């Protein structure tokens, strides 16, 4: 037998009321506030862009990524602090 649909809004209110951890509450607040302010439509990548992202993911999976520290050092060396 299929379960009855839930009232998501009411369930969410109840769940939030049970949270005692302030960090979790702040994270939920931040997420919901950002959603309320979101006005831009999602970005859909074109063929070349999607291919470039896929290639980057392939490189990362192959262990060919560049550590953040190295990227930042290169930027500071090129453009200064």
PDB file of N, CA and C in Angstrom:
ATOM      1  N   UNK A   1       0.836  -1.183   0.000  1.00  0.00           N
ATOM      2  CA  UNK A   1       0.000   0.000   0.000  1.00  0.00           C
ATOM      3  C   UNK A   1       0.880   1.247   0.000  1.00  0.00           C
ATOM      4  N   UNK A   2       0.561   2.226  -0.840  1.00  0.00           N
ATOM      5  CA  UNK A   2       1.343   3.454  -0.942  1.00  0.00           C
ATOM      6  C   UNK A   2       1.109   4.322   0.285  1.00  0.00           C
ATOM      7  N   UNK A   3       2.153   4.993   0.720  1.00  0.00           N
ATOM      8  CA  UNK A   3       2.005   5.866   1.881  1.00  0.00           C
ATOM      9  C   UNK A   3       1.314   7.156   1.477  1.00  0.00           C
ATOM     10  N   UNK A   4       0.649   7.762   2.432  1.00  0.00           N
ATOM     11  CA  UNK A   4      -0.061   9.010   2.182  1.00  0.00           C
ATOM     12  C   UNK A   4       0.938  10.127   1.940  1.00  0.00           C
ATOM     13  N   UNK A   5       0.614  11.060   1.057  1.00  0.00           N
ATOM     14  CA  UNK A   5       1.536  12.178   0.830  1.00  0.00           C
ATOM     15  C   UNK A   5       1.699  12.995   2.111  1.00  0.00           C
ATOM     16  N   UNK A   6       2.902  13.491   2.302  1.00  0.00           N
ATOM     17  CA  UNK A   6       3.150  14.299   3.499  1.00  0.00           C
ATOM     18  C   UNK A   6       3.053  15.775   3.153  1.00  0.00           C
ATOM     19  N   UNK A   7       2.751  16.548   4.147  1.00  0.00           N
ATOM     20  CA  UNK A   7       2.760  18.000   4.005  1.00  0.00           C
ATOM     21  C   UNK A   7       4.198  18.436   4.290  1.00  0.00           C
ATOM     22  N   UNK A   8       4.974  18.619   3.230  1.00  0.00           N
ATOM     23  CA  UNK A   8       6.405  18.886   3.367  1.00  0.00           C
ATOM     24  C   UNK A   8       6.665  20.116   4.218  1.00  0.00           C
ATOM     25  N   UNK A   9       5.889  21.152   4.021  1.00  0.00           N
ATOM     26  CA  UNK A   9       6.104  22.385   4.782  1.00  0.00           C
ATOM     27  C   UNK A   9       5.932  22.138   6.283  1.00  0.00           C
ATOM     28  N   UNK A  10       4.873  21.447   6.650  1.00  0.00           N
ATOM     29  CA  UNK A  10       4.635  21.152   8.068  1.00  0.00           C
ATOM     30  C   UNK A  10       5.716  20.249   8.638  1.00  0.00           C
ATOM     31  N   UNK A  11       6.104  19.225   7.862  1.00  0.00           N
ATOM     32  CA  UNK A  11       7.166  18.329   8.311  1.00  0.00           C
ATOM     33  C   UNK A  11       8.474  19.081   8.504  1.00  0.00           C
ATOM     34  N   UNK A  12       8.766  19.989   7.602  1.00  0.00           N
ATOM     35  CA  UNK A  12       9.989  20.776   7.703  1.00  0.00           C
ATOM     36  C   UNK A  12       9.970  21.651   8.955  1.00  0.00           C
ATOM     37  N   UNK A  13       8.844  22.276   9.221  1.00  0.00           N
ATOM     38  CA  UNK A  13       8.717  23.088  10.442  1.00  0.00           C
ATOM     39  C   UNK A  13       8.970  22.228  11.678  1.00  0.00           C
ATOM     40  N   UNK A  14       8.376  21.049  11.702  1.00  0.00           N
ATOM     41  CA  UNK A  14       8.554  20.161  12.850  1.00  0.00           C
ATOM     42  C   UNK A  14      10.008  19.734  13.002  1.00  0.00           C
ATOM     43  N   UNK A  15      10.648  19.400  11.885  1.00  0.00           N
ATOM     44  CA  UNK A  15      12.052  18.996  11.953  1.00  0.00           C
ATOM     45  C   UNK A  15      12.929  20.131  12.467  1.00  0.00           C
ATOM     46  N   UNK A  16      12.706  21.318  11.957  1.00  0.00           N
ATOM     47  CA  UNK A  16      13.513  22.467  12.382  1.00  0.00           C
ATOM     48  C   UNK A  16      13.317  22.732  13.869  1.00  0.00           C
ATOM     49  N   UNK A  17      12.094  22.583  14.343  1.00  0.00           N
ATOM     50  CA  UNK A  17      11.817  22.806  15.769  1.00  0.00           C
ATOM     51  C   UNK A  17      12.567  21.836  16.674  1.00  0.00           C
ATOM     52  N   UNK A  18      12.953  20.672  16.142  1.00  0.00           N
ATOM     53  CA  UNK A  18      13.657  19.696  16.983  1.00  0.00           C
ATOM     54  C   UNK A  18      15.163  19.894  16.991  1.00  0.00           C
ATOM     55  N   UNK A  19      15.696  20.723  16.090  1.00  0.00           N
ATOM     56  CA  UNK A  19      17.147  20.903  15.985  1.00  0.00           C
ATOM     57  C   UNK A  19      17.635  21.805  17.115  1.00  0.00           C
ATOM     58  N   UNK A  20      18.622  21.318  17.858  1.00  0.00           N
ATOM     59  CA  UNK A  20      19.201  22.086  18.952  1.00  0.00           C
ATOM     60  C   UNK A  20      20.555  22.688  18.584  1.00  0.00           C
ATOM     61  N   UNK A  21      21.228  22.099  17.622  1.00  0.00           N
ATOM     62  CA  UNK A  21      22.569  22.531  17.227  1.00  0.00           C
ATOM     63  C   UNK A  21      22.479  23.834  16.435  1.00  0.00           C
ATOM     64  N   UNK A  22      23.058  24.911  16.969  1.00  0.00           N
ATOM     65  CA  UNK A  22      22.987  26.225  16.323  1.00  0.00           C
ATOM     66  C   UNK A  22      23.697  26.255  14.974  1.00  0.00           C
ATOM     67  N   UNK A  23      24.749  25.474  14.832  1.00  0.00           N
ATOM     68  CA  UNK A  23      25.459  25.427  13.547  1.00  0.00           C
ATOM     69  C   UNK A  23      24.570  24.824  12.465  1.00  0.00           C
ATOM     70  N   UNK A  24      23.838  23.797  12.818  1.00  0.00           N
ATOM     71  CA  UNK A  24      22.926  23.172  11.858  1.00  0.00           C
ATOM     72  C   UNK A  24      21.808  24.152  11.505  1.00  0.00           C
ATOM     73  N   UNK A  25      21.264  24.824  12.501  1.00  0.00           N
ATOM     74  CA  UNK A  25      20.212  25.808  12.246  1.00  0.00           C
ATOM     75  C   UNK A  25      20.724  26.921  11.339  1.00  0.00           C
ATOM     76  N   UNK A  26      21.948  27.392  11.573  1.00  0.00           N
ATOM     77  CA  UNK A  26      22.522  28.443  10.730  1.00  0.00           C
ATOM     78  C   UNK A  26      22.692  27.958   9.301  1.00  0.00           C
ATOM     79  N   UNK A  27      23.123  26.708   9.134  1.00  0.00           N
ATOM     80  CA  UNK A  27      23.306  26.151   7.794  1.00  0.00           C
ATOM     81  C   UNK A  27      21.966  26.052   7.060  1.00  0.00           C
ATOM     82  N   UNK A  28      20.933  25.608   7.764  1.00  0.00           N
ATOM     83  CA  UNK A  28      19.598  25.511   7.153  1.00  0.00           C
ATOM     84  C   UNK A  28      19.104  26.904   6.785  1.00  0.00           C
ATOM     85  N   UNK A  29      19.295  27.851   7.675  1.00  0.00           N
ATOM     86  CA  UNK A  29      18.870  29.228   7.406  1.00  0.00           C
ATOM     87  C   UNK A  29      19.579  29.784   6.171  1.00  0.00           C
ATOM     88  N   UNK A  30      20.897  29.586   6.107  1.00  0.00           N
ATOM     89  CA  UNK A  30      21.677  30.088   4.979  1.00  0.00           C
ATOM     90  C   UNK A  30      21.183  29.487   3.671  1.00  0.00           C
ATOM     91  N   UNK A  31      20.942  28.187   3.676  1.00  0.00           N
ATOM     92  CA  UNK A  31      20.454  27.507   2.477  1.00  0.00           C
ATOM     93  C   UNK A  31      19.099  28.049   2.046  1.00  0.00           C
ATOM     94  N   UNK A  32      18.173  28.178   2.983  1.00  0.00           N
ATOM     95  CA  UNK A  32      16.834  28.654   2.641  1.00  0.00           C
ATOM     96  C   UNK A  32      16.844  30.123   2.228  1.00  0.00           C
ATOM     97  N   UNK A  33      17.656  30.935   2.878  1.00  0.00           N
ATOM     98  CA  UNK A  33      17.737  32.354   2.518  1.00  0.00           C
ATOM     99  C   UNK A  33      18.311  32.518   1.119  1.00  0.00           C
ATOM    100  N   UNK A  34      19.313  31.724   0.788  1.00  0.00           N
ATOM    101  CA  UNK A  34      19.904  31.796  -0.555  1.00  0.00           C
ATOM    102  C   UNK A  34      18.878  31.381  -1.601  1.00  0.00           C
ATOM    103  N   UNK A  35      18.086  30.363  -1.296  1.00  0.00           N
ATOM    104  CA  UNK A  35      17.064  29.908  -2.234  1.00  0.00           C
ATOM    105  C   UNK A  35      16.016  30.990  -2.463  1.00  0.00           C
ATOM    106  N   UNK A  36      15.655  31.688  -1.419  1.00  0.00           N
ATOM    107  CA  UNK A  36      14.653  32.752  -1.536  1.00  0.00           C
ATOM    108  C   UNK A  36      15.159  33.875  -2.432  1.00  0.00           C
ATOM    109  N   UNK A  37      16.454  34.151  -2.362  1.00  0.00           N
ATOM    110  CA  UNK A  37      17.027  35.261  -3.111  1.00  0.00           C
ATOM    111  C   UNK A  37      17.473  34.850  -4.516  1.00  0.00           C
ATOM    112  N   UNK A  38      17.474  33.567  -4.799  1.00  0.00           N
ATOM    113  CA  UNK A  38      17.938  33.087  -6.105  1.00  0.00           C
ATOM    114  C   UNK A  38      16.989  33.561  -7.193  1.00  0.00           C
ATOM    115  N   UNK A  39      17.536  34.298  -8.158  1.00  0.00           N
ATOM    116  CA  UNK A  39      16.712  34.804  -9.244  1.00  0.00           C
ATOM    117  C   UNK A  39      17.251  34.391 -10.607  1.00  0.00           C
ATOM    118  N   UNK A  40      18.456  33.877 -10.643  1.00  0.00           N
ATOM    119  CA  UNK A  40      19.049  33.497 -11.914  1.00  0.00           C
ATOM    120  C   UNK A  40      18.633  32.079 -12.289  1.00  0.00           C
ATOM    121  N   UNK A  41      18.356  31.853 -13.540  1.00  0.00           N
ATOM    122  CA  UNK A  41      18.039  30.489 -13.961  1.00  0.00           C
ATOM    123  C   UNK A  41      19.299  29.634 -13.932  1.00  0.00           C
ATOM    124  N   UNK A  42      19.144  28.329 -13.872  1.00  0.00           N
ATOM    125  CA  UNK A  42      20.336  27.475 -13.881  1.00  0.00           C
ATOM    126  C   UNK A  42      21.102  27.635 -15.186  1.00  0.00           C
ATOM    127  N   UNK A  43      22.402  27.485 -15.101  1.00  0.00           N
ATOM    128  CA  UNK A  43      23.263  27.613 -16.273  1.00  0.00           C
ATOM    129  C   UNK A  43      23.319  26.259 -16.984  1.00  0.00           C
ATOM    130  N   UNK A  44      23.097  26.284 -18.265  1.00  0.00           N
ATOM    131  CA  UNK A  44      23.208  25.072 -19.077  1.00  0.00           C
ATOM    132  C   UNK A  44      24.454  25.223 -19.947  1.00  0.00           C
ATOM    133  N   UNK A  45      25.363  24.290 -19.798  1.00  0.00           N
ATOM    134  CA  UNK A  45      26.610  24.367 -20.551  1.00  0.00           C
ATOM    135  C   UNK A  45      26.391  23.921 -21.981  1.00  0.00           C
ATOM    136  N   UNK A  46      27.064  24.626 -22.893  1.00  0.00           N
ATOM    137  CA  UNK A  46      27.042  24.238 -24.300  1.00  0.00           C
ATOM    138  C   UNK A  46      27.988  23.080 -24.546  1.00  0.00           C
ATOM    139  N   UNK A  47      28.066  22.626 -25.773  1.00  0.00           N
ATOM    140  CA  UNK A  47      28.882  21.473 -26.128  1.00  0.00           C
ATOM    141  C   UNK A  47      30.335  21.607 -25.759  1.00  0.00           C
ATOM    142  N   UNK A  48      30.984  22.707 -26.142  1.00  0.00           N
ATOM    143  CA  UNK A  48      32.406  22.899 -25.847  1.00  0.00           C
ATOM    144  C   UNK A  48      32.642  23.031 -24.346  1.00  0.00           C
ATOM    145  N   UNK A  49      31.770  23.776 -23.673  1.00  0.00           N
ATOM    146  CA  UNK A  49      31.921  23.964 -22.232  1.00  0.00           C
ATOM    147  C   UNK A  49      31.739  22.651 -21.492  1.00  0.00           C
ATOM    148  N   UNK A  50      30.708  21.910 -21.870  1.00  0.00           N
ATOM    149  CA  UNK A  50      30.458  20.618 -21.232  1.00  0.00           C
ATOM    150  C   UNK A  50      31.627  19.670 -21.465  1.00  0.00           C
ATOM    151  N   UNK A  51      32.194  19.694 -22.666  1.00  0.00           N
ATOM    152  CA  UNK A  51      33.338  18.841 -22.976  1.00  0.00           C
ATOM    153  C   UNK A  51      34.551  19.240 -22.131  1.00  0.00           C
ATOM    154  N   UNK A  52      34.754  20.551 -21.951  1.00  0.00           N
ATOM    155  CA  UNK A  52      35.884  21.022 -21.148  1.00  0.00           C
ATOM    156  C   UNK A  52      35.728  20.593 -19.690  1.00  0.00           C
ATOM    157  N   UNK A  53      34.512  20.687 -19.164  1.00  0.00           N
ATOM    158  CA  UNK A  53      34.268  20.254 -17.783  1.00  0.00           C
ATOM    159  C   UNK A  53      34.495  18.749 -17.666  1.00  0.00           C
ATOM    160  N   UNK A  54      33.995  17.989 -18.630  1.00  0.00           N
ATOM    161  CA  UNK A  54      34.191  16.536 -18.612  1.00  0.00           C
ATOM    162  C   UNK A  54      35.679  16.182 -18.664  1.00  0.00           C
ATOM    163  N   UNK A  55      36.437  16.912 -19.475  1.00  0.00           N
ATOM    164  CA  UNK A  55      37.887  16.675 -19.564  1.00  0.00           C
ATOM    165  C   UNK A  55      38.554  16.994 -18.235  1.00  0.00           C
ATOM    166  N   UNK A  56      38.150  18.075 -17.599  1.00  0.00           N
ATOM    167  CA  UNK A  56      38.710  18.418 -16.295  1.00  0.00           C
ATOM    168  C   UNK A  56      38.420  17.352 -15.251  1.00  0.00           C
ATOM    169  N   UNK A  57      37.215  16.828 -15.261  1.00  0.00           N
ATOM    170  CA  UNK A  57      36.858  15.758 -14.327  1.00  0.00           C
ATOM    171  C   UNK A  57      37.683  14.510 -14.624  1.00  0.00           C
ATOM    172  N   UNK A  58      37.868  14.198 -15.911  1.00  0.00           N
ATOM    173  CA  UNK A  58      38.689  13.048 -16.283  1.00  0.00           C
ATOM    174  C   UNK A  58      40.122  13.221 -15.771  1.00  0.00           C
ATOM    175  N   UNK A  59      40.664  14.437 -15.913  1.00  0.00           N
ATOM    176  CA  UNK A  59      42.016  14.704 -15.435  1.00  0.00           C
ATOM    177  C   UNK A  59      42.105  14.545 -13.920  1.00  0.00           C
ATOM    178  N   UNK A  60      41.112  15.049 -13.206  1.00  0.00           N
ATOM    179  CA  UNK A  60      41.111  14.899 -11.749  1.00  0.00           C
ATOM    180  C   UNK A  60      41.036  13.432 -11.352  1.00  0.00           C
ATOM    181  N   UNK A  61      40.170  12.690 -12.033  1.00  0.00           N
ATOM    182  CA  UNK A  61      40.054  11.260 -11.741  1.00  0.00           C
ATOM    183  C   UNK A  61      41.364  10.525 -12.007  1.00  0.00           C
ATOM    184  N   UNK A  62      42.154  11.023 -12.964  1.00  0.00           N
ATOM    185  CA  UNK A  62      43.439  10.412 -13.305  1.00  0.00           C
ATOM    186  C   UNK A  62      44.573  10.936 -12.409  1.00  0.00           C
ATOM    187  N   UNK A  63      44.230  11.759 -11.412  1.00  0.00           N
ATOM    188  CA  UNK A  63      45.245  12.283 -10.496  1.00  0.00           C
ATOM    189  C   UNK A  63      46.076  13.397 -11.087  1.00  0.00           C
ATOM    190  N   UNK A  64      45.565  14.078 -12.098  1.00  0.00           N
ATOM    191  CA  UNK A  64      46.320  15.126 -12.773  1.00  0.00           C
ATOM    192  C   UNK A  64      45.902  16.529 -12.317  1.00  0.00           C
ATOM    193  N   UNK A  65      45.219  16.631 -11.195  1.00  0.00           N
ATOM    194  CA  UNK A  65      44.807  17.930 -10.685  1.00  0.00           C
ATOM    195  C   UNK A  65      45.981  18.711 -10.138  1.00  0.00           C
ATOM    196  N   UNK A  66      45.815  20.010 -10.017  1.00  0.00           N
ATOM    197  CA  UNK A  66      46.841  20.881  -9.453  1.00  0.00           C
ATOM    198  C   UNK A  66      46.353  21.313  -8.068  1.00  0.00           C
ATOM    199  N   UNK A  67      47.150  21.089  -7.019  1.00  0.00           N
ATOM    200  CA  UNK A  67      46.736  21.481  -5.669  1.00  0.00           C
ATOM    201  C   UNK A  67      46.457  22.982  -5.570  1.00  0.00           C
ATOM    202  N   UNK A  68      45.496  23.338  -4.755  1.00  0.00           N
ATOM    203  CA  UNK A  68      45.099  24.736  -4.556  1.00  0.00           C
ATOM    204  C   UNK A  68      46.306  25.604  -4.197  1.00  0.00           C
ATOM    205  N   UNK A  69      47.159  25.090  -3.327  1.00  0.00           N
ATOM    206  CA  UNK A  69      48.320  25.862  -2.891  1.00  0.00           C
ATOM    207  C   UNK A  69      49.214  26.222  -4.072  1.00  0.00           C
ATOM    208  N   UNK A  70      49.366  25.286  -5.015  1.00  0.00           N
ATOM    209  CA  UNK A  70      50.207  25.543  -6.187  1.00  0.00           C
ATOM    210  C   UNK A  70      49.562  26.585  -7.102  1.00  0.00           C
ATOM    211  N   UNK A  71      48.257  26.467  -7.297  1.00  0.00           N
ATOM    212  CA  UNK A  71      47.543  27.446  -8.122  1.00  0.00           C
ATOM    213  C   UNK A  71      47.700  28.840  -7.524  1.00  0.00           C
ATOM    214  N   UNK A  72      47.518  28.954  -6.212  1.00  0.00           N
ATOM    215  CA  UNK A  72      47.633  30.259  -5.560  1.00  0.00           C
ATOM    216  C   UNK A  72      49.066  30.787  -5.654  1.00  0.00           C
ATOM    217  N   UNK A  73      50.055  29.929  -5.466  1.00  0.00           N
ATOM    218  CA  UNK A  73      51.448  30.365  -5.581  1.00  0.00           C
ATOM    219  C   UNK A  73      51.731  30.889  -6.988  1.00  0.00           C
ATOM    220  N   UNK A  74      51.207  30.199  -8.004  1.00  0.00           N
ATOM    221  CA  UNK A  74      51.391  30.650  -9.387  1.00  0.00           C
ATOM    222  C   UNK A  74      50.727  32.007  -9.626  1.00  0.00           C
ATOM    223  N   UNK A  75      49.540  32.183  -9.076  1.00  0.00           N
ATOM    224  CA  UNK A  75      48.825  33.461  -9.240  1.00  0.00           C
ATOM    225  C   UNK A  75      49.596  34.580  -8.555  1.00  0.00           C
ATOM    226  N   UNK A  76      50.065  34.339  -7.326  1.00  0.00           N
ATOM    227  CA  UNK A  76      50.810  35.372  -6.605  1.00  0.00           C
ATOM    228  C   UNK A  76      52.108  35.693  -7.349  1.00  0.00           C
ATOM    229  N   UNK A  77      52.765  34.683  -7.896  1.00  0.00           N
ATOM    230  CA  UNK A  77      54.013  34.921  -8.625  1.00  0.00           C
ATOM    231  C   UNK A  77      53.752  35.751  -9.884  1.00  0.00           C
ATOM    232  N   UNK A  78      52.637  35.491 -10.535  1.00  0.00           N
ATOM    233  CA  UNK A  78      52.343  36.191 -11.787  1.00  0.00           C
ATOM    234  C   UNK A  78      51.813  37.601 -11.542  1.00  0.00           C
ATOM    235  N   UNK A  79      50.933  37.745 -10.559  1.00  0.00           N
ATOM    236  CA  UNK A  79      50.234  39.039 -10.370  1.00  0.00           C
ATOM    237  C   UNK A  79      50.645  39.773  -9.089  1.00  0.00           C
ATOM    238  N   UNK A  80      51.427  39.156  -8.239  1.00  0.00           N
ATOM    239  CA  UNK A  80      51.821  39.790  -6.988  1.00  0.00           C
ATOM    240  C   UNK A  80      50.721  39.724  -5.950  1.00  0.00           C
ATOM    241  N   UNK A  81      51.084  40.139  -4.776  1.00  0.00           N
ATOM    242  CA  UNK A  81      50.095  40.106  -3.682  1.00  0.00           C
ATOM    243  C   UNK A  81      49.320  41.362  -3.623  1.00  0.00           C
TER     244      UNK A  81
END
